[in-house]
N, C-alpha and C. Protein backbone atom coordinates (compact mmCIF):
# COMPACT_ATOMS: atom_id res chain seq x y z
N GLN A 1 0.91 -1.16 0.03
CA GLN A 1 -0.04 -0.13 0.14
C GLN A 1 0.75 1.25 -0.05
N LEU A 2 0.37 2.24 -0.77
CA LEU A 2 1.19 3.33 -1.04
C LEU A 2 1.02 4.38 0.12
N GLN A 3 1.90 4.96 0.58
CA GLN A 3 1.68 6.07 1.74
C GLN A 3 2.52 7.30 1.45
N LEU A 4 1.92 8.46 1.57
CA LEU A 4 2.60 9.86 1.33
C LEU A 4 2.62 10.60 2.62
N GLU A 5 3.60 11.23 2.97
CA GLU A 5 3.53 11.93 4.00
C GLU A 5 4.26 13.19 3.96
N GLU A 6 3.62 14.24 4.01
CA GLU A 6 4.04 15.66 3.87
C GLU A 6 4.65 16.20 5.04
N SER A 7 5.75 17.03 4.92
CA SER A 7 6.25 17.95 5.97
C SER A 7 6.69 19.18 5.54
N GLY A 8 7.14 20.18 6.46
CA GLY A 8 7.59 21.34 6.00
C GLY A 8 6.86 22.56 6.13
N GLY A 9 5.58 22.50 6.41
CA GLY A 9 4.81 23.56 6.26
C GLY A 9 5.01 24.38 7.45
N GLY A 10 4.42 25.50 7.66
CA GLY A 10 4.63 26.43 8.88
C GLY A 10 4.12 27.85 8.38
N LEU A 11 4.41 28.73 9.39
CA LEU A 11 4.22 30.23 9.25
C LEU A 11 5.39 31.01 8.69
N VAL A 12 5.19 31.76 7.56
CA VAL A 12 6.22 32.44 7.09
C VAL A 12 5.91 33.74 6.62
N GLN A 13 6.60 34.87 6.80
CA GLN A 13 6.21 36.08 6.29
C GLN A 13 6.32 36.13 4.65
N PRO A 14 5.44 37.12 4.49
CA PRO A 14 5.63 37.48 2.88
C PRO A 14 7.05 37.73 2.51
N GLY A 15 7.08 37.08 1.12
CA GLY A 15 8.65 37.18 0.69
C GLY A 15 9.62 36.15 1.08
N GLY A 16 9.06 35.36 2.05
CA GLY A 16 9.83 34.19 2.43
C GLY A 16 9.93 33.01 1.71
N SER A 17 10.57 31.95 2.30
CA SER A 17 10.80 30.62 1.45
C SER A 17 10.32 29.56 2.44
N LEU A 18 10.04 28.31 1.81
CA LEU A 18 9.52 27.24 2.58
C LEU A 18 10.07 26.14 1.51
N ARG A 19 10.48 24.94 2.08
CA ARG A 19 10.64 23.75 1.32
C ARG A 19 9.66 22.57 1.74
N LEU A 20 8.80 22.10 1.07
CA LEU A 20 7.93 21.14 1.53
C LEU A 20 8.46 19.88 1.02
N SER A 21 8.36 18.68 1.71
CA SER A 21 8.63 17.45 1.50
C SER A 21 7.66 16.44 1.44
N CYS A 22 7.59 15.29 0.63
CA CYS A 22 6.63 14.42 0.58
C CYS A 22 7.51 13.03 0.50
N LEU A 23 7.47 12.39 1.69
CA LEU A 23 8.00 10.99 1.60
C LEU A 23 7.18 9.92 1.03
N VAL A 24 7.52 9.15 0.32
CA VAL A 24 6.76 8.22 -0.40
C VAL A 24 7.37 6.92 0.15
N SER A 25 6.17 5.94 0.55
CA SER A 25 6.58 4.60 1.03
C SER A 25 5.59 3.68 0.20
N GLY A 26 6.13 2.52 -0.06
CA GLY A 26 5.29 1.54 -0.72
C GLY A 26 5.57 1.24 -2.16
N ASN A 27 6.27 2.16 -2.72
CA ASN A 27 6.67 2.33 -4.20
C ASN A 27 7.67 3.35 -4.46
N ASN A 28 8.30 3.52 -5.71
CA ASN A 28 9.15 4.49 -5.93
C ASN A 28 8.52 5.74 -6.21
N VAL A 29 9.21 6.95 -5.93
CA VAL A 29 8.65 8.21 -6.07
C VAL A 29 8.63 8.33 -7.57
N ASN A 30 9.64 7.79 -8.31
CA ASN A 30 9.85 8.13 -9.84
C ASN A 30 8.75 7.08 -10.62
N ALA A 31 7.97 6.34 -9.92
CA ALA A 31 7.07 5.39 -10.57
C ALA A 31 5.81 6.02 -11.12
N PHE A 32 5.56 7.29 -10.62
CA PHE A 32 4.27 8.07 -11.00
C PHE A 32 4.57 9.32 -11.38
N THR A 33 3.70 10.04 -12.06
CA THR A 33 3.70 11.32 -12.17
C THR A 33 3.19 11.89 -10.68
N MET A 34 3.97 12.69 -10.15
CA MET A 34 3.66 13.28 -8.77
C MET A 34 3.23 14.77 -8.89
N ALA A 35 2.48 15.28 -8.06
CA ALA A 35 2.10 16.54 -7.90
C ALA A 35 1.79 17.19 -6.59
N TRP A 36 1.89 18.39 -6.53
CA TRP A 36 1.56 19.17 -5.29
C TRP A 36 0.40 19.86 -5.68
N SER A 37 -0.65 19.77 -4.78
CA SER A 37 -2.02 20.34 -4.84
C SER A 37 -2.08 21.37 -3.68
N ARG A 38 -2.76 22.46 -3.75
CA ARG A 38 -3.14 23.32 -2.68
C ARG A 38 -4.63 23.65 -2.71
N GLN A 39 -5.04 23.78 -1.36
CA GLN A 39 -6.37 24.11 -1.02
C GLN A 39 -6.29 25.51 -0.10
N ALA A 40 -6.74 26.56 -0.74
CA ALA A 40 -6.76 27.73 0.09
C ALA A 40 -8.22 27.64 1.01
N PRO A 41 -8.15 28.45 1.89
CA PRO A 41 -9.47 28.57 2.93
C PRO A 41 -10.76 28.91 2.08
N GLU A 42 -11.71 27.82 2.23
CA GLU A 42 -12.89 27.87 1.59
C GLU A 42 -12.82 28.12 0.07
N ASP A 43 -11.96 27.13 -0.58
CA ASP A 43 -11.66 26.96 -2.02
C ASP A 43 -11.49 25.53 -2.28
N LYS A 44 -11.38 25.25 -3.51
CA LYS A 44 -11.28 23.81 -3.87
C LYS A 44 -9.71 23.61 -4.21
N ARG A 45 -9.44 22.40 -4.08
CA ARG A 45 -7.93 22.00 -4.41
C ARG A 45 -7.50 22.18 -5.86
N GLU A 46 -6.31 22.74 -6.07
CA GLU A 46 -5.86 22.87 -7.32
C GLU A 46 -4.49 22.35 -7.48
N ILE A 47 -4.17 21.80 -8.55
CA ILE A 47 -2.76 21.18 -8.87
C ILE A 47 -2.08 22.49 -9.07
N ILE A 48 -0.74 22.62 -8.50
CA ILE A 48 0.09 23.83 -8.75
C ILE A 48 1.59 23.28 -9.47
N ALA A 49 1.78 22.10 -9.21
CA ALA A 49 3.04 21.57 -9.73
C ALA A 49 2.90 20.12 -9.99
N SER A 50 3.50 19.61 -10.91
CA SER A 50 3.77 18.27 -11.27
C SER A 50 5.22 17.77 -11.85
N ILE A 51 5.49 16.65 -11.79
CA ILE A 51 6.50 15.99 -12.32
C ILE A 51 6.29 14.58 -12.88
N THR A 52 6.73 14.21 -13.86
CA THR A 52 6.49 12.98 -14.64
C THR A 52 7.77 12.18 -14.21
N PRO A 53 7.55 10.85 -14.40
CA PRO A 53 8.70 9.88 -14.32
C PRO A 53 9.89 10.19 -14.90
N GLY A 54 9.71 10.84 -16.19
CA GLY A 54 10.86 11.16 -16.95
C GLY A 54 11.57 12.61 -16.67
N GLY A 55 10.89 13.29 -15.56
CA GLY A 55 11.44 14.52 -15.02
C GLY A 55 10.75 15.78 -15.59
N GLY A 56 9.81 15.53 -16.60
CA GLY A 56 8.95 16.85 -17.16
C GLY A 56 8.13 17.48 -16.15
N THR A 57 8.24 18.79 -16.03
CA THR A 57 7.50 19.56 -14.82
C THR A 57 6.50 20.64 -15.58
N MET A 58 5.48 20.76 -14.79
CA MET A 58 4.37 21.73 -15.14
C MET A 58 4.04 22.54 -13.86
N TYR A 59 3.63 23.80 -14.09
CA TYR A 59 3.36 24.59 -13.01
C TYR A 59 2.25 25.44 -13.39
N ALA A 60 1.28 25.93 -12.13
CA ALA A 60 0.15 26.69 -12.53
C ALA A 60 0.83 28.23 -12.68
N ASP A 61 0.12 28.94 -13.46
CA ASP A 61 0.54 30.29 -13.62
C ASP A 61 0.70 31.03 -12.47
N SER A 62 0.02 30.67 -11.29
CA SER A 62 0.21 31.42 -10.15
C SER A 62 1.56 31.20 -9.29
N VAL A 63 2.19 30.13 -9.71
CA VAL A 63 3.55 29.83 -9.01
C VAL A 63 4.67 29.73 -10.03
N THR A 64 4.51 29.95 -11.15
CA THR A 64 5.59 29.77 -12.05
C THR A 64 6.55 30.81 -11.81
N GLY A 65 7.84 30.44 -11.82
CA GLY A 65 8.90 31.36 -11.54
C GLY A 65 9.34 31.36 -10.06
N ARG A 66 8.25 30.99 -9.14
CA ARG A 66 8.54 31.00 -7.70
C ARG A 66 8.76 29.65 -7.17
N PHE A 67 7.99 28.77 -7.67
CA PHE A 67 8.00 27.30 -6.99
C PHE A 67 8.86 26.33 -7.79
N THR A 68 9.38 25.54 -7.32
CA THR A 68 10.20 24.41 -8.02
C THR A 68 9.85 23.16 -7.53
N ILE A 69 9.20 22.07 -8.41
CA ILE A 69 9.02 20.67 -7.91
C ILE A 69 10.21 19.96 -8.36
N SER A 70 10.58 19.04 -7.37
CA SER A 70 11.76 18.11 -7.66
C SER A 70 11.57 17.02 -6.89
N ARG A 71 12.42 15.92 -7.08
CA ARG A 71 12.33 14.65 -6.33
C ARG A 71 13.95 14.13 -6.16
N ASP A 72 14.05 13.30 -5.10
CA ASP A 72 15.18 12.69 -4.92
C ASP A 72 14.94 11.07 -4.89
N ASN A 73 15.29 10.42 -5.74
CA ASN A 73 14.93 9.13 -5.93
C ASN A 73 15.57 8.18 -4.83
N MET A 74 17.00 8.60 -4.37
CA MET A 74 17.32 7.69 -3.52
C MET A 74 16.49 7.87 -1.97
N LYS A 75 16.11 9.22 -1.78
CA LYS A 75 15.42 9.26 -0.60
C LYS A 75 14.02 9.08 -0.80
N ASN A 76 13.57 8.74 -2.07
CA ASN A 76 12.05 8.34 -2.25
C ASN A 76 11.25 9.61 -1.79
N THR A 77 11.57 10.80 -2.08
CA THR A 77 10.98 12.03 -1.47
C THR A 77 10.68 12.96 -2.60
N LEU A 78 9.65 13.57 -2.55
CA LEU A 78 9.19 14.66 -3.53
C LEU A 78 9.17 15.86 -2.88
N TYR A 79 9.71 17.06 -3.52
CA TYR A 79 9.91 18.39 -2.65
C TYR A 79 9.11 19.33 -3.54
N LEU A 80 8.85 20.53 -2.73
CA LEU A 80 8.33 21.69 -3.44
C LEU A 80 9.18 22.96 -2.77
N GLN A 81 9.93 23.50 -3.48
CA GLN A 81 10.81 24.62 -3.03
C GLN A 81 9.82 25.81 -3.43
N MET A 82 9.50 26.67 -2.45
CA MET A 82 8.76 27.91 -2.74
C MET A 82 9.30 29.13 -2.15
N ASN A 83 9.47 30.07 -3.09
CA ASN A 83 10.05 31.31 -2.80
C ASN A 83 9.11 32.57 -3.13
N SER A 84 9.66 33.70 -2.60
CA SER A 84 8.84 34.77 -2.77
C SER A 84 7.29 34.48 -2.40
N LEU A 85 7.19 33.94 -1.29
CA LEU A 85 5.84 33.51 -0.89
C LEU A 85 4.83 34.80 -0.63
N ARG A 86 3.67 34.48 -1.03
CA ARG A 86 2.49 35.68 -0.87
C ARG A 86 1.52 35.18 -0.13
N ARG A 87 0.85 36.14 0.47
CA ARG A 87 -0.34 35.76 1.40
C ARG A 87 -1.49 34.86 0.75
N GLU A 88 -1.50 34.94 -0.49
CA GLU A 88 -2.58 34.14 -1.25
C GLU A 88 -2.04 32.66 -1.63
N ASP A 89 -0.63 32.41 -1.02
CA ASP A 89 -0.02 31.04 -1.23
C ASP A 89 -0.57 30.15 0.16
N THR A 90 -1.41 30.90 1.01
CA THR A 90 -1.82 30.30 2.39
C THR A 90 -2.60 29.23 1.89
N GLY A 91 -2.65 28.00 2.57
CA GLY A 91 -3.48 26.96 2.45
C GLY A 91 -2.79 25.65 2.65
N VAL A 92 -3.58 24.48 2.59
CA VAL A 92 -3.04 23.14 2.91
C VAL A 92 -2.54 22.60 1.60
N TYR A 93 -1.22 22.15 1.74
CA TYR A 93 -0.63 21.52 0.54
C TYR A 93 -0.53 20.03 0.58
N PHE A 94 -1.05 19.37 -0.34
CA PHE A 94 -0.88 17.82 -0.38
C PHE A 94 -0.04 17.46 -1.67
N CYS A 95 0.62 16.46 -1.30
CA CYS A 95 1.13 15.56 -2.48
C CYS A 95 0.30 14.51 -3.03
N LYS A 96 0.46 14.22 -4.39
CA LYS A 96 -0.48 13.12 -4.78
C LYS A 96 0.24 12.42 -5.83
N THR A 97 -0.40 11.34 -6.13
CA THR A 97 0.04 10.59 -7.56
C THR A 97 -1.03 10.62 -8.46
N ASN A 98 -0.53 10.26 -9.73
CA ASN A 98 -1.67 10.35 -10.88
C ASN A 98 -2.62 9.20 -10.78
N THR A 99 -2.35 8.23 -9.85
CA THR A 99 -3.08 6.98 -9.59
C THR A 99 -4.04 7.25 -8.37
N GLY A 100 -4.23 8.65 -7.87
CA GLY A 100 -5.16 8.79 -6.87
C GLY A 100 -4.66 8.71 -5.42
N TRP A 101 -3.47 8.46 -5.20
CA TRP A 101 -3.37 8.62 -3.71
C TRP A 101 -2.86 9.97 -3.25
N TRP A 102 -3.18 10.24 -2.07
CA TRP A 102 -3.10 11.67 -1.40
C TRP A 102 -2.34 11.46 -0.13
N GLY A 103 -1.61 12.52 0.22
CA GLY A 103 -1.13 12.51 1.62
C GLY A 103 -2.22 13.31 2.34
N GLN A 104 -1.63 13.64 3.72
CA GLN A 104 -2.71 14.06 4.52
C GLN A 104 -2.62 15.56 4.60
N GLY A 105 -1.70 16.13 4.08
CA GLY A 105 -1.52 17.66 3.86
C GLY A 105 -0.56 18.32 5.01
N THR A 106 -0.18 19.36 4.56
CA THR A 106 0.62 20.17 5.53
C THR A 106 0.18 21.60 5.26
N GLN A 107 0.06 22.42 6.67
CA GLN A 107 -0.55 23.67 6.35
C GLN A 107 0.64 24.70 6.09
N VAL A 108 0.29 25.63 5.21
CA VAL A 108 1.21 26.79 5.03
C VAL A 108 0.42 28.02 5.25
N THR A 109 1.16 28.90 5.98
CA THR A 109 0.37 30.15 6.29
C THR A 109 1.44 31.35 5.93
N ILE A 110 0.91 32.30 5.20
CA ILE A 110 2.09 33.27 4.95
C ILE A 110 1.13 34.58 5.44
N SER A 111 1.70 35.23 6.37
CA SER A 111 1.36 36.11 7.14
C SER A 111 2.45 37.08 7.86
N SER A 112 2.16 38.24 8.03
CA SER A 112 3.18 39.22 8.65
C SER A 112 2.73 39.48 10.12
């Protein structure tokens, strides 16, 4: 059974940075297209970044140029480096696979 465990969320001031991690167990992190999804308060979840097994990446317009998705196959971990954070980046961040597996989420709050 696949398990995804996010970590790295927290409270950051606008303009700051965070790196989220998603530890994958039960299979290899590069076996799937992996993605980060964000759910802002009172809003639906949206995919903001994805990476294919071949390493191809895609980003939502709202995070392009500020966020970077990557993975470490040896550590079986997916990452999301978030720079130049804005208040509207606040939300719960989930990692997921293209086969429907989700983590439990990690809270990111951008506030001064």
